[in-house]
Amino acid sequence: MKYRKLYEKHHLQKYKDKNDNKVENSISEIVTPSGIYLKDNWIKLIYDYMDENNEGYILEMLIEYVKKECVWINTDDDAKDLALDLYSNRIWEKSTWVGFTEFNMKLKNCNRIGQLSFL
């Protein structure tokens, strides 16, 4: 299974409200292999999945990785968006990913610390 770059589709919705005023809304959609989702709904689905599987720490680690390794990322929001994209592709499970070894070593250490804290 290979990494699929999700992409956003933006479009402008124009209409007139009750008072005949012009209104413009920008709509962002995420295009995935399973369908097209409004960006807010897609993010909610990702967080729901993370909560069900207790994988929130993986997203936090991906955000840290993106901030450190991806020099084109300038803001925390950009880092979070890219980390969500990587998480949704479960990139840390793909041995062809350039950060596979480094990230999984940190992930294993994180899991060991978590297991020790339960003792």
PDB file of N, CA and C in Angstrom:
ATOM      1  N   MET A   1       0.848  -1.175   0.000  1.00  0.00           N
ATOM      2  CA  MET A   1       0.000   0.000   0.000  1.00  0.00           C
ATOM      3  C   MET A   1       0.893   1.237   0.000  1.00  0.00           C
ATOM      4  N   LYS A   2       0.632   2.159  -0.881  1.00  0.00           N
ATOM      5  CA  LYS A   2       1.498   3.324  -0.946  1.00  0.00           C
ATOM      6  C   LYS A   2       0.794   4.571  -0.417  1.00  0.00           C
ATOM      7  N   TYR A   3       1.599   5.558  -0.111  1.00  0.00           N
ATOM      8  CA  TYR A   3       1.096   6.822   0.416  1.00  0.00           C
ATOM      9  C   TYR A   3       0.319   7.555  -0.661  1.00  0.00           C
ATOM     10  N   ARG A   4      -0.847   8.027  -0.305  1.00  0.00           N
ATOM     11  CA  ARG A   4      -1.645   8.818  -1.240  1.00  0.00           C
ATOM     12  C   ARG A   4      -1.770  10.222  -0.691  1.00  0.00           C
ATOM     13  N   LYS A   5      -1.264  11.154  -1.437  1.00  0.00           N
ATOM     14  CA  LYS A   5      -1.375  12.553  -1.030  1.00  0.00           C
ATOM     15  C   LYS A   5      -2.830  12.975  -1.183  1.00  0.00           C
ATOM     16  N   LEU A   6      -3.434  13.296  -0.056  1.00  0.00           N
ATOM     17  CA  LEU A   6      -4.797  13.797  -0.101  1.00  0.00           C
ATOM     18  C   LEU A   6      -4.738  15.230  -0.583  1.00  0.00           C
ATOM     19  N   TYR A   7      -5.737  15.653  -1.261  1.00  0.00           N
ATOM     20  CA  TYR A   7      -5.706  17.040  -1.679  1.00  0.00           C
ATOM     21  C   TYR A   7      -7.013  17.724  -1.345  1.00  0.00           C
ATOM     22  N   GLU A   8      -6.886  19.020  -1.189  1.00  0.00           N
ATOM     23  CA  GLU A   8      -8.044  19.835  -0.855  1.00  0.00           C
ATOM     24  C   GLU A   8      -8.609  20.441  -2.115  1.00  0.00           C
ATOM     25  N   LYS A   9      -9.902  20.491  -2.143  1.00  0.00           N
ATOM     26  CA  LYS A   9     -10.608  21.122  -3.241  1.00  0.00           C
ATOM     27  C   LYS A   9     -11.309  22.338  -2.640  1.00  0.00           C
ATOM     28  N   HIS A  10     -11.050  23.499  -3.194  1.00  0.00           N
ATOM     29  CA  HIS A  10     -11.663  24.730  -2.701  1.00  0.00           C
ATOM     30  C   HIS A  10     -12.620  25.257  -3.757  1.00  0.00           C
ATOM     31  N   HIS A  11     -13.758  25.692  -3.301  1.00  0.00           N
ATOM     32  CA  HIS A  11     -14.637  26.391  -4.226  1.00  0.00           C
ATOM     33  C   HIS A  11     -15.420  27.451  -3.472  1.00  0.00           C
ATOM     34  N   LEU A  12     -15.893  28.391  -4.216  1.00  0.00           N
ATOM     35  CA  LEU A  12     -16.588  29.541  -3.657  1.00  0.00           C
ATOM     36  C   LEU A  12     -18.077  29.380  -3.912  1.00  0.00           C
ATOM     37  N   GLN A  13     -18.830  29.502  -2.847  1.00  0.00           N
ATOM     38  CA  GLN A  13     -20.282  29.422  -2.957  1.00  0.00           C
ATOM     39  C   GLN A  13     -20.831  30.843  -2.882  1.00  0.00           C
ATOM     40  N   LYS A  14     -21.553  31.245  -3.896  1.00  0.00           N
ATOM     41  CA  LYS A  14     -22.128  32.591  -3.933  1.00  0.00           C
ATOM     42  C   LYS A  14     -23.647  32.482  -3.951  1.00  0.00           C
ATOM     43  N   TYR A  15     -24.275  33.305  -3.128  1.00  0.00           N
ATOM     44  CA  TYR A  15     -25.733  33.338  -3.105  1.00  0.00           C
ATOM     45  C   TYR A  15     -26.197  34.642  -2.473  1.00  0.00           C
ATOM     46  N   LYS A  16     -27.483  34.852  -2.494  1.00  0.00           N
ATOM     47  CA  LYS A  16     -28.060  36.033  -1.859  1.00  0.00           C
ATOM     48  C   LYS A  16     -28.856  35.593  -0.640  1.00  0.00           C
ATOM     49  N   ASP A  17     -28.704  36.343   0.439  1.00  0.00           N
ATOM     50  CA  ASP A  17     -29.442  36.004   1.652  1.00  0.00           C
ATOM     51  C   ASP A  17     -30.865  36.566   1.602  1.00  0.00           C
ATOM     52  N   LYS A  18     -31.565  36.473   2.717  1.00  0.00           N
ATOM     53  CA  LYS A  18     -32.965  36.906   2.788  1.00  0.00           C
ATOM     54  C   LYS A  18     -33.145  38.384   2.458  1.00  0.00           C
ATOM     55  N   ASN A  19     -32.141  39.177   2.803  1.00  0.00           N
ATOM     56  CA  ASN A  19     -32.219  40.625   2.578  1.00  0.00           C
ATOM     57  C   ASN A  19     -31.639  41.032   1.229  1.00  0.00           C
ATOM     58  N   ASP A  20     -31.438  40.080   0.352  1.00  0.00           N
ATOM     59  CA  ASP A  20     -30.915  40.300  -0.992  1.00  0.00           C
ATOM     60  C   ASP A  20     -29.464  40.809  -0.992  1.00  0.00           C
ATOM     61  N   ASN A  21     -28.704  40.472   0.068  1.00  0.00           N
ATOM     62  CA  ASN A  21     -27.281  40.805   0.136  1.00  0.00           C
ATOM     63  C   ASN A  21     -26.473  39.654  -0.462  1.00  0.00           C
ATOM     64  N   LYS A  22     -25.421  40.004  -1.172  1.00  0.00           N
ATOM     65  CA  LYS A  22     -24.561  38.973  -1.743  1.00  0.00           C
ATOM     66  C   LYS A  22     -23.700  38.352  -0.642  1.00  0.00           C
ATOM     67  N   VAL A  23     -23.618  37.031  -0.655  1.00  0.00           N
ATOM     68  CA  VAL A  23     -22.836  36.298   0.335  1.00  0.00           C
ATOM     69  C   VAL A  23     -21.911  35.339  -0.410  1.00  0.00           C
ATOM     70  N   GLU A  24     -20.655  35.286   0.038  1.00  0.00           N
ATOM     71  CA  GLU A  24     -19.685  34.356  -0.534  1.00  0.00           C
ATOM     72  C   GLU A  24     -19.115  33.495   0.585  1.00  0.00           C
ATOM     73  N   ASN A  25     -19.113  32.197   0.390  1.00  0.00           N
ATOM     74  CA  ASN A  25     -18.527  31.256   1.341  1.00  0.00           C
ATOM     75  C   ASN A  25     -17.459  30.442   0.637  1.00  0.00           C
ATOM     76  N   SER A  26     -16.327  30.289   1.289  1.00  0.00           N
ATOM     77  CA  SER A  26     -15.282  29.421   0.770  1.00  0.00           C
ATOM     78  C   SER A  26     -15.462  28.041   1.397  1.00  0.00           C
ATOM     79  N   ILE A  27     -15.523  27.021   0.569  1.00  0.00           N
ATOM     80  CA  ILE A  27     -15.742  25.664   1.052  1.00  0.00           C
ATOM     81  C   ILE A  27     -14.506  24.830   0.733  1.00  0.00           C
ATOM     82  N   SER A  28     -13.967  24.164   1.766  1.00  0.00           N
ATOM     83  CA  SER A  28     -12.811  23.282   1.587  1.00  0.00           C
ATOM     84  C   SER A  28     -13.273  21.843   1.733  1.00  0.00           C
ATOM     85  N   GLU A  29     -12.883  21.024   0.775  1.00  0.00           N
ATOM     86  CA  GLU A  29     -13.208  19.603   0.823  1.00  0.00           C
ATOM     87  C   GLU A  29     -11.920  18.802   0.701  1.00  0.00           C
ATOM     88  N   ILE A  30     -11.887  17.665   1.373  1.00  0.00           N
ATOM     89  CA  ILE A  30     -10.754  16.758   1.300  1.00  0.00           C
ATOM     90  C   ILE A  30     -11.156  15.592   0.404  1.00  0.00           C
ATOM     91  N   VAL A  31     -10.340  15.330  -0.595  1.00  0.00           N
ATOM     92  CA  VAL A  31     -10.612  14.234  -1.520  1.00  0.00           C
ATOM     93  C   VAL A  31      -9.773  13.036  -1.080  1.00  0.00           C
ATOM     94  N   THR A  32     -10.436  11.931  -0.767  1.00  0.00           N
ATOM     95  CA  THR A  32      -9.780  10.712  -0.306  1.00  0.00           C
ATOM     96  C   THR A  32     -10.201   9.544  -1.191  1.00  0.00           C
ATOM     97  N   PRO A  33      -9.515   8.420  -1.080  1.00  0.00           N
ATOM     98  CA  PRO A  33      -9.950   7.245  -1.848  1.00  0.00           C
ATOM     99  C   PRO A  33     -11.365   6.789  -1.477  1.00  0.00           C
ATOM    100  N   SER A  34     -11.796   7.083  -0.259  1.00  0.00           N
ATOM    101  CA  SER A  34     -13.132   6.641   0.162  1.00  0.00           C
ATOM    102  C   SER A  34     -14.219   7.668  -0.123  1.00  0.00           C
ATOM    103  N   GLY A  35     -13.851   8.833  -0.619  1.00  0.00           N
ATOM    104  CA  GLY A  35     -14.861   9.829  -0.955  1.00  0.00           C
ATOM    105  C   GLY A  35     -14.386  11.248  -0.709  1.00  0.00           C
ATOM    106  N   ILE A  36     -15.307  12.176  -0.863  1.00  0.00           N
ATOM    107  CA  ILE A  36     -15.019  13.596  -0.661  1.00  0.00           C
ATOM    108  C   ILE A  36     -15.727  14.039   0.613  1.00  0.00           C
ATOM    109  N   TYR A  37     -14.972  14.694   1.505  1.00  0.00           N
ATOM    110  CA  TYR A  37     -15.505  15.123   2.789  1.00  0.00           C
ATOM    111  C   TYR A  37     -15.255  16.612   2.977  1.00  0.00           C
ATOM    112  N   LEU A  38     -16.174  17.279   3.637  1.00  0.00           N
ATOM    113  CA  LEU A  38     -15.886  18.638   4.083  1.00  0.00           C
ATOM    114  C   LEU A  38     -14.714  18.548   5.043  1.00  0.00           C
ATOM    115  N   LYS A  39     -13.823  19.523   5.007  1.00  0.00           N
ATOM    116  CA  LYS A  39     -12.592  19.449   5.799  1.00  0.00           C
ATOM    117  C   LYS A  39     -12.881  19.238   7.283  1.00  0.00           C
ATOM    118  N   ASP A  40     -13.849  19.957   7.828  1.00  0.00           N
ATOM    119  CA  ASP A  40     -14.178  19.809   9.252  1.00  0.00           C
ATOM    120  C   ASP A  40     -14.667  18.399   9.571  1.00  0.00           C
ATOM    121  N   ASN A  41     -15.478  17.826   8.689  1.00  0.00           N
ATOM    122  CA  ASN A  41     -15.978  16.461   8.909  1.00  0.00           C
ATOM    123  C   ASN A  41     -14.854  15.439   8.826  1.00  0.00           C
ATOM    124  N   TRP A  42     -13.932  15.643   7.869  1.00  0.00           N
ATOM    125  CA  TRP A  42     -12.804  14.729   7.719  1.00  0.00           C
ATOM    126  C   TRP A  42     -11.927  14.748   8.972  1.00  0.00           C
ATOM    127  N   ILE A  43     -11.656  15.945   9.489  1.00  0.00           N
ATOM    128  CA  ILE A  43     -10.841  16.065  10.702  1.00  0.00           C
ATOM    129  C   ILE A  43     -11.536  15.384  11.871  1.00  0.00           C
ATOM    130  N   LYS A  44     -12.846  15.561  11.982  1.00  0.00           N
ATOM    131  CA  LYS A  44     -13.606  14.913  13.058  1.00  0.00           C
ATOM    132  C   LYS A  44     -13.519  13.394  12.939  1.00  0.00           C
ATOM    133  N   LEU A  45     -13.640  12.868  11.721  1.00  0.00           N
ATOM    134  CA  LEU A  45     -13.526  11.420  11.520  1.00  0.00           C
ATOM    135  C   LEU A  45     -12.151  10.903  11.940  1.00  0.00           C
ATOM    136  N   ILE A  46     -11.108  11.642  11.602  1.00  0.00           N
ATOM    137  CA  ILE A  46      -9.747  11.237  11.979  1.00  0.00           C
ATOM    138  C   ILE A  46      -9.608  11.218  13.499  1.00  0.00           C
ATOM    139  N   TYR A  47     -10.077  12.277  14.168  1.00  0.00           N
ATOM    140  CA  TYR A  47      -9.981  12.330  15.628  1.00  0.00           C
ATOM    141  C   TYR A  47     -10.826  11.245  16.290  1.00  0.00           C
ATOM    142  N   ASP A  48     -12.005  10.962  15.758  1.00  0.00           N
ATOM    143  CA  ASP A  48     -12.839   9.878  16.299  1.00  0.00           C
ATOM    144  C   ASP A  48     -12.116   8.541  16.190  1.00  0.00           C
ATOM    145  N   TYR A  49     -11.492   8.294  15.039  1.00  0.00           N
ATOM    146  CA  TYR A  49     -10.742   7.057  14.842  1.00  0.00           C
ATOM    147  C   TYR A  49      -9.571   6.976  15.824  1.00  0.00           C
ATOM    148  N   MET A  50      -8.872   8.104  16.002  1.00  0.00           N
ATOM    149  CA  MET A  50      -7.750   8.137  16.941  1.00  0.00           C
ATOM    150  C   MET A  50      -8.206   7.821  18.353  1.00  0.00           C
ATOM    151  N   ASP A  51      -9.331   8.407  18.756  1.00  0.00           N
ATOM    152  CA  ASP A  51      -9.848   8.172  20.102  1.00  0.00           C
ATOM    153  C   ASP A  51     -10.238   6.713  20.305  1.00  0.00           C
ATOM    154  N   GLU A  52     -10.872   6.116  19.299  1.00  0.00           N
ATOM    155  CA  GLU A  52     -11.272   4.707  19.398  1.00  0.00           C
ATOM    156  C   GLU A  52     -10.068   3.795  19.572  1.00  0.00           C
ATOM    157  N   ASN A  53      -8.969   4.140  18.934  1.00  0.00           N
ATOM    158  CA  ASN A  53      -7.778   3.286  18.939  1.00  0.00           C
ATOM    159  C   ASN A  53      -6.680   3.780  19.874  1.00  0.00           C
ATOM    160  N   ASN A  54      -6.964   4.794  20.669  1.00  0.00           N
ATOM    161  CA  ASN A  54      -5.987   5.358  21.611  1.00  0.00           C
ATOM    162  C   ASN A  54      -4.661   5.680  20.930  1.00  0.00           C
ATOM    163  N   GLU A  55      -4.736   6.380  19.790  1.00  0.00           N
ATOM    164  CA  GLU A  55      -3.533   6.703  19.028  1.00  0.00           C
ATOM    165  C   GLU A  55      -3.263   8.203  18.953  1.00  0.00           C
ATOM    166  N   GLY A  56      -3.814   8.964  19.875  1.00  0.00           N
ATOM    167  CA  GLY A  56      -3.596  10.403  19.871  1.00  0.00           C
ATOM    168  C   GLY A  56      -2.125  10.770  19.982  1.00  0.00           C
ATOM    169  N   TYR A  57      -1.370   9.964  20.719  1.00  0.00           N
ATOM    170  CA  TYR A  57       0.058  10.230  20.886  1.00  0.00           C
ATOM    171  C   TYR A  57       0.807  10.121  19.553  1.00  0.00           C
ATOM    172  N   ILE A  58       0.309   9.285  18.644  1.00  0.00           N
ATOM    173  CA  ILE A  58       0.968   9.148  17.338  1.00  0.00           C
ATOM    174  C   ILE A  58       0.833  10.446  16.549  1.00  0.00           C
ATOM    175  N   LEU A  59      -0.348  11.057  16.602  1.00  0.00           N
ATOM    176  CA  LEU A  59      -0.522  12.342  15.914  1.00  0.00           C
ATOM    177  C   LEU A  59       0.413  13.387  16.502  1.00  0.00           C
ATOM    178  N   GLU A  60       0.520  13.432  17.821  1.00  0.00           N
ATOM    179  CA  GLU A  60       1.427  14.397  18.460  1.00  0.00           C
ATOM    180  C   GLU A  60       2.867  14.158  18.009  1.00  0.00           C
ATOM    181  N   MET A  61       3.266  12.901  17.916  1.00  0.00           N
ATOM    182  CA  MET A  61       4.622  12.588  17.457  1.00  0.00           C
ATOM    183  C   MET A  61       4.807  12.974  15.993  1.00  0.00           C
ATOM    184  N   LEU A  62       3.770  12.776  15.176  1.00  0.00           N
ATOM    185  CA  LEU A  62       3.855  13.175  13.769  1.00  0.00           C
ATOM    186  C   LEU A  62       3.959  14.691  13.634  1.00  0.00           C
ATOM    187  N   ILE A  63       3.234  15.429  14.462  1.00  0.00           N
ATOM    188  CA  ILE A  63       3.325  16.894  14.431  1.00  0.00           C
ATOM    189  C   ILE A  63       4.749  17.329  14.767  1.00  0.00           C
ATOM    190  N   GLU A  64       5.335  16.730  15.806  1.00  0.00           N
ATOM    191  CA  GLU A  64       6.724  17.051  16.167  1.00  0.00           C
ATOM    192  C   GLU A  64       7.677  16.706  15.022  1.00  0.00           C
ATOM    193  N   TYR A  65       7.472  15.548  14.406  1.00  0.00           N
ATOM    194  CA  TYR A  65       8.325  15.127  13.293  1.00  0.00           C
ATOM    195  C   TYR A  65       8.234  16.120  12.140  1.00  0.00           C
ATOM    196  N   VAL A  66       7.015  16.514  11.795  1.00  0.00           N
ATOM    197  CA  VAL A  66       6.799  17.446  10.682  1.00  0.00           C
ATOM    198  C   VAL A  66       7.470  18.787  10.969  1.00  0.00           C
ATOM    199  N   LYS A  67       7.329  19.288  12.188  1.00  0.00           N
ATOM    200  CA  LYS A  67       7.950  20.574  12.539  1.00  0.00           C
ATOM    201  C   LYS A  67       9.469  20.502  12.434  1.00  0.00           C
ATOM    202  N   LYS A  68      10.027  19.351  12.784  1.00  0.00           N
ATOM    203  CA  LYS A  68      11.479  19.201  12.781  1.00  0.00           C
ATOM    204  C   LYS A  68      12.034  18.936  11.378  1.00  0.00           C
ATOM    205  N   GLU A  69      11.372  18.083  10.614  1.00  0.00           N
ATOM    206  CA  GLU A  69      11.937  17.590   9.360  1.00  0.00           C
ATOM    207  C   GLU A  69      11.451  18.302   8.101  1.00  0.00           C
ATOM    208  N   CYS A  70      10.298  18.910   8.132  1.00  0.00           N
ATOM    209  CA  CYS A  70       9.712  19.511   6.925  1.00  0.00           C
ATOM    210  C   CYS A  70       9.936  21.021   6.950  1.00  0.00           C
ATOM    211  N   VAL A  71      10.996  21.464   6.295  1.00  0.00           N
ATOM    212  CA  VAL A  71      11.408  22.866   6.381  1.00  0.00           C
ATOM    213  C   VAL A  71      10.418  23.824   5.730  1.00  0.00           C
ATOM    214  N   TRP A  72       9.558  23.340   4.861  1.00  0.00           N
ATOM    215  CA  TRP A  72       8.585  24.209   4.194  1.00  0.00           C
ATOM    216  C   TRP A  72       7.368  24.502   5.065  1.00  0.00           C
ATOM    217  N   ILE A  73       7.272  23.847   6.209  1.00  0.00           N
ATOM    218  CA  ILE A  73       6.153  24.085   7.125  1.00  0.00           C
ATOM    219  C   ILE A  73       6.479  25.313   7.968  1.00  0.00           C
ATOM    220  N   ASN A  74       5.593  26.320   7.912  1.00  0.00           N
ATOM    221  CA  ASN A  74       5.856  27.578   8.607  1.00  0.00           C
ATOM    222  C   ASN A  74       4.991  27.795   9.838  1.00  0.00           C
ATOM    223  N   THR A  75       3.811  27.207   9.872  1.00  0.00           N
ATOM    224  CA  THR A  75       2.900  27.465  10.989  1.00  0.00           C
ATOM    225  C   THR A  75       2.494  26.158  11.653  1.00  0.00           C
ATOM    226  N   ASP A  76       1.987  26.282  12.869  1.00  0.00           N
ATOM    227  CA  ASP A  76       1.502  25.109  13.587  1.00  0.00           C
ATOM    228  C   ASP A  76       0.313  24.478  12.874  1.00  0.00           C
ATOM    229  N   ASP A  77      -0.535  25.311  12.272  1.00  0.00           N
ATOM    230  CA  ASP A  77      -1.692  24.779  11.540  1.00  0.00           C
ATOM    231  C   ASP A  77      -1.256  23.955  10.332  1.00  0.00           C
ATOM    232  N   ASP A  78      -0.234  24.431   9.622  1.00  0.00           N
ATOM    233  CA  ASP A  78       0.290  23.666   8.484  1.00  0.00           C
ATOM    234  C   ASP A  78       0.875  22.334   8.951  1.00  0.00           C
ATOM    235  N   ALA A  79       1.585  22.371  10.078  1.00  0.00           N
ATOM    236  CA  ALA A  79       2.171  21.145  10.625  1.00  0.00           C
ATOM    237  C   ALA A  79       1.075  20.160  11.020  1.00  0.00           C
ATOM    238  N   LYS A  80       0.034  20.672  11.634  1.00  0.00           N
ATOM    239  CA  LYS A  80      -1.075  19.808  12.049  1.00  0.00           C
ATOM    240  C   LYS A  80      -1.782  19.212  10.834  1.00  0.00           C
ATOM    241  N   ASP A  81      -2.003  20.020   9.797  1.00  0.00           N
ATOM    242  CA  ASP A  81      -2.661  19.523   8.581  1.00  0.00           C
ATOM    243  C   ASP A  81      -1.845  18.411   7.920  1.00  0.00           C
ATOM    244  N   LEU A  82      -0.532  18.621   7.811  1.00  0.00           N
ATOM    245  CA  LEU A  82       0.314  17.597   7.198  1.00  0.00           C
ATOM    246  C   LEU A  82       0.358  16.346   8.071  1.00  0.00           C
ATOM    247  N   ALA A  83       0.432  16.528   9.382  1.00  0.00           N
ATOM    248  CA  ALA A  83       0.445  15.379  10.293  1.00  0.00           C
ATOM    249  C   ALA A  83      -0.861  14.589  10.198  1.00  0.00           C
ATOM    250  N   LEU A  84      -1.987  15.275  10.059  1.00  0.00           N
ATOM    251  CA  LEU A  84      -3.268  14.578   9.876  1.00  0.00           C
ATOM    252  C   LEU A  84      -3.269  13.790   8.569  1.00  0.00           C
ATOM    253  N   ASP A  85      -2.706  14.379   7.529  1.00  0.00           N
ATOM    254  CA  ASP A  85      -2.593  13.697   6.241  1.00  0.00           C
ATOM    255  C   ASP A  85      -1.734  12.437   6.388  1.00  0.00           C
ATOM    256  N   LEU A  86      -0.594  12.575   7.057  1.00  0.00           N
ATOM    257  CA  LEU A  86       0.285  11.426   7.273  1.00  0.00           C
ATOM    258  C   LEU A  86      -0.389  10.372   8.140  1.00  0.00           C
ATOM    259  N   TYR A  87      -1.080  10.821   9.184  1.00  0.00           N
ATOM    260  CA  TYR A  87      -1.773   9.881  10.066  1.00  0.00           C
ATOM    261  C   TYR A  87      -2.854   9.118   9.304  1.00  0.00           C
ATOM    262  N   SER A  88      -3.623   9.817   8.484  1.00  0.00           N
ATOM    263  CA  SER A  88      -4.710   9.157   7.759  1.00  0.00           C
ATOM    264  C   SER A  88      -4.185   8.114   6.779  1.00  0.00           C
ATOM    265  N   ASN A  89      -2.942   8.268   6.350  1.00  0.00           N
ATOM    266  CA  ASN A  89      -2.301   7.283   5.478  1.00  0.00           C
ATOM    267  C   ASN A  89      -1.534   6.222   6.265  1.00  0.00           C
ATOM    268  N   ARG A  90      -1.524   6.358   7.598  1.00  0.00           N
ATOM    269  CA  ARG A  90      -0.787   5.452   8.487  1.00  0.00           C
ATOM    270  C   ARG A  90       0.649   5.272   7.970  1.00  0.00           C
ATOM    271  N   ILE A  91       1.281   6.404   7.739  1.00  0.00           N
ATOM    272  CA  ILE A  91       2.593   6.450   7.099  1.00  0.00           C
ATOM    273  C   ILE A  91       3.667   5.724   7.907  1.00  0.00           C
ATOM    274  N   TRP A  92       3.552   5.714   9.226  1.00  0.00           N
ATOM    275  CA  TRP A  92       4.576   5.098  10.069  1.00  0.00           C
ATOM    276  C   TRP A  92       4.610   3.573   9.900  1.00  0.00           C
ATOM    277  N   GLU A  93       3.609   2.994   9.244  1.00  0.00           N
ATOM    278  CA  GLU A  93       3.588   1.550   9.005  1.00  0.00           C
ATOM    279  C   GLU A  93       4.224   1.172   7.670  1.00  0.00           C
ATOM    280  N   LYS A  94       4.582   2.135   6.872  1.00  0.00           N
ATOM    281  CA  LYS A  94       5.105   1.878   5.522  1.00  0.00           C
ATOM    282  C   LYS A  94       6.636   1.987   5.522  1.00  0.00           C
ATOM    283  N   SER A  95       7.283   0.871   5.267  1.00  0.00           N
ATOM    284  CA  SER A  95       8.745   0.829   5.354  1.00  0.00           C
ATOM    285  C   SER A  95       9.426   1.675   4.281  1.00  0.00           C
ATOM    286  N   THR A  96       8.702   2.092   3.251  1.00  0.00           N
ATOM    287  CA  THR A  96       9.299   2.929   2.205  1.00  0.00           C
ATOM    288  C   THR A  96       9.308   4.407   2.581  1.00  0.00           C
ATOM    289  N   TRP A  97       8.659   4.771   3.671  1.00  0.00           N
ATOM    290  CA  TRP A  97       8.635   6.166   4.122  1.00  0.00           C
ATOM    291  C   TRP A  97      10.033   6.555   4.584  1.00  0.00           C
ATOM    292  N   VAL A  98      10.468   7.740   4.194  1.00  0.00           N
ATOM    293  CA  VAL A  98      11.829   8.191   4.497  1.00  0.00           C
ATOM    294  C   VAL A  98      12.078   8.288   6.009  1.00  0.00           C
ATOM    295  N   GLY A  99      11.068   8.569   6.794  1.00  0.00           N
ATOM    296  CA  GLY A  99      11.242   8.693   8.241  1.00  0.00           C
ATOM    297  C   GLY A  99      10.879   7.446   9.012  1.00  0.00           C
ATOM    298  N   PHE A 100      10.714   6.324   8.317  1.00  0.00           N
ATOM    299  CA  PHE A 100      10.226   5.088   8.932  1.00  0.00           C
ATOM    300  C   PHE A 100      11.065   4.652  10.133  1.00  0.00           C
ATOM    301  N   THR A 101      12.363   4.508   9.940  1.00  0.00           N
ATOM    302  CA  THR A 101      13.231   3.982  10.997  1.00  0.00           C
ATOM    303  C   THR A 101      13.274   4.914  12.197  1.00  0.00           C
ATOM    304  N   GLU A 102      13.542   6.183  11.961  1.00  0.00           N
ATOM    305  CA  GLU A 102      13.646   7.155  13.055  1.00  0.00           C
ATOM    306  C   GLU A 102      12.337   7.256  13.832  1.00  0.00           C
ATOM    307  N   PHE A 103      11.235   7.374  13.112  1.00  0.00           N
ATOM    308  CA  PHE A 103       9.943   7.556  13.771  1.00  0.00           C
ATOM    309  C   PHE A 103       9.547   6.314  14.563  1.00  0.00           C
ATOM    310  N   ASN A 104       9.763   5.141  13.999  1.00  0.00           N
ATOM    311  CA  ASN A 104       9.364   3.917  14.694  1.00  0.00           C
ATOM    312  C   ASN A 104      10.233   3.621  15.903  1.00  0.00           C
ATOM    313  N   MET A 105      11.495   4.051  15.882  1.00  0.00           N
ATOM    314  CA  MET A 105      12.326   3.911  17.081  1.00  0.00           C
ATOM    315  C   MET A 105      11.755   4.763  18.207  1.00  0.00           C
ATOM    316  N   LYS A 106      11.368   5.992  17.887  1.00  0.00           N
ATOM    317  CA  LYS A 106      10.756   6.863  18.896  1.00  0.00           C
ATOM    318  C   LYS A 106       9.421   6.302  19.359  1.00  0.00           C
ATOM    319  N   LEU A 107       8.667   5.741  18.429  1.00  0.00           N
ATOM    320  CA  LEU A 107       7.361   5.176  18.756  1.00  0.00           C
ATOM    321  C   LEU A 107       7.508   3.984  19.697  1.00  0.00           C
ATOM    322  N   LYS A 108       8.490   3.120  19.443  1.00  0.00           N
ATOM    323  CA  LYS A 108       8.721   1.973  20.324  1.00  0.00           C
ATOM    324  C   LYS A 108       9.145   2.435  21.708  1.00  0.00           C
ATOM    325  N   ASN A 109      10.017   3.444  21.777  1.00  0.00           N
ATOM    326  CA  ASN A 109      10.431   3.976  23.077  1.00  0.00           C
ATOM    327  C   ASN A 109       9.248   4.570  23.817  1.00  0.00           C
ATOM    328  N   CYS A 110       8.381   5.252  23.102  1.00  0.00           N
ATOM    329  CA  CYS A 110       7.190   5.847  23.707  1.00  0.00           C
ATOM    330  C   CYS A 110       6.286   4.752  24.264  1.00  0.00           C
ATOM    331  N   ASN A 111       6.118   3.662  23.524  1.00  0.00           N
ATOM    332  CA  ASN A 111       5.285   2.549  23.982  1.00  0.00           C
ATOM    333  C   ASN A 111       5.894   1.864  25.193  1.00  0.00           C
ATOM    334  N   ARG A 112       7.224   1.725  25.226  1.00  0.00           N
ATOM    335  CA  ARG A 112       7.886   1.110  26.381  1.00  0.00           C
ATOM    336  C   ARG A 112       7.688   1.957  27.625  1.00  0.00           C
ATOM    337  N   ILE A 113       7.834   3.263  27.485  1.00  0.00           N
ATOM    338  CA  ILE A 113       7.641   4.162  28.629  1.00  0.00           C
ATOM    339  C   ILE A 113       6.209   4.058  29.125  1.00  0.00           C
ATOM    340  N   GLY A 114       5.257   4.002  28.203  1.00  0.00           N
ATOM    341  CA  GLY A 114       3.855   3.872  28.586  1.00  0.00           C
ATOM    342  C   GLY A 114       3.591   2.566  29.305  1.00  0.00           C
ATOM    343  N   GLN A 115       4.226   1.474  28.851  1.00  0.00           N
ATOM    344  CA  GLN A 115       4.033   0.185  29.494  1.00  0.00           C
ATOM    345  C   GLN A 115       4.661   0.172  30.878  1.00  0.00           C
ATOM    346  N   LEU A 116       5.811   0.800  31.033  1.00  0.00           N
ATOM    347  CA  LEU A 116       6.461   0.848  32.335  1.00  0.00           C
ATOM    348  C   LEU A 116       5.656   1.663  33.335  1.00  0.00           C
ATOM    349  N   SER A 117       4.989   2.692  32.869  1.00  0.00           N
ATOM    350  CA  SER A 117       4.255   3.551  33.793  1.00  0.00           C
ATOM    351  C   SER A 117       3.017   2.858  34.352  1.00  0.00           C
ATOM    352  N   PHE A 118       2.575   1.787  33.705  1.00  0.00           N
ATOM    353  CA  PHE A 118       1.415   1.058  34.215  1.00  0.00           C
ATOM    354  C   PHE A 118       1.798   0.069  35.309  1.00  0.00           C
ATOM    355  N   LEU A 119       3.093  -0.237  35.437  1.00  0.00           N
ATOM    356  CA  LEU A 119       3.545  -1.210  36.441  1.00  0.00           C
ATOM    357  C   LEU A 119       3.494  -0.662  37.831  1.00  0.00           C
TER     358      LEU A 119
END
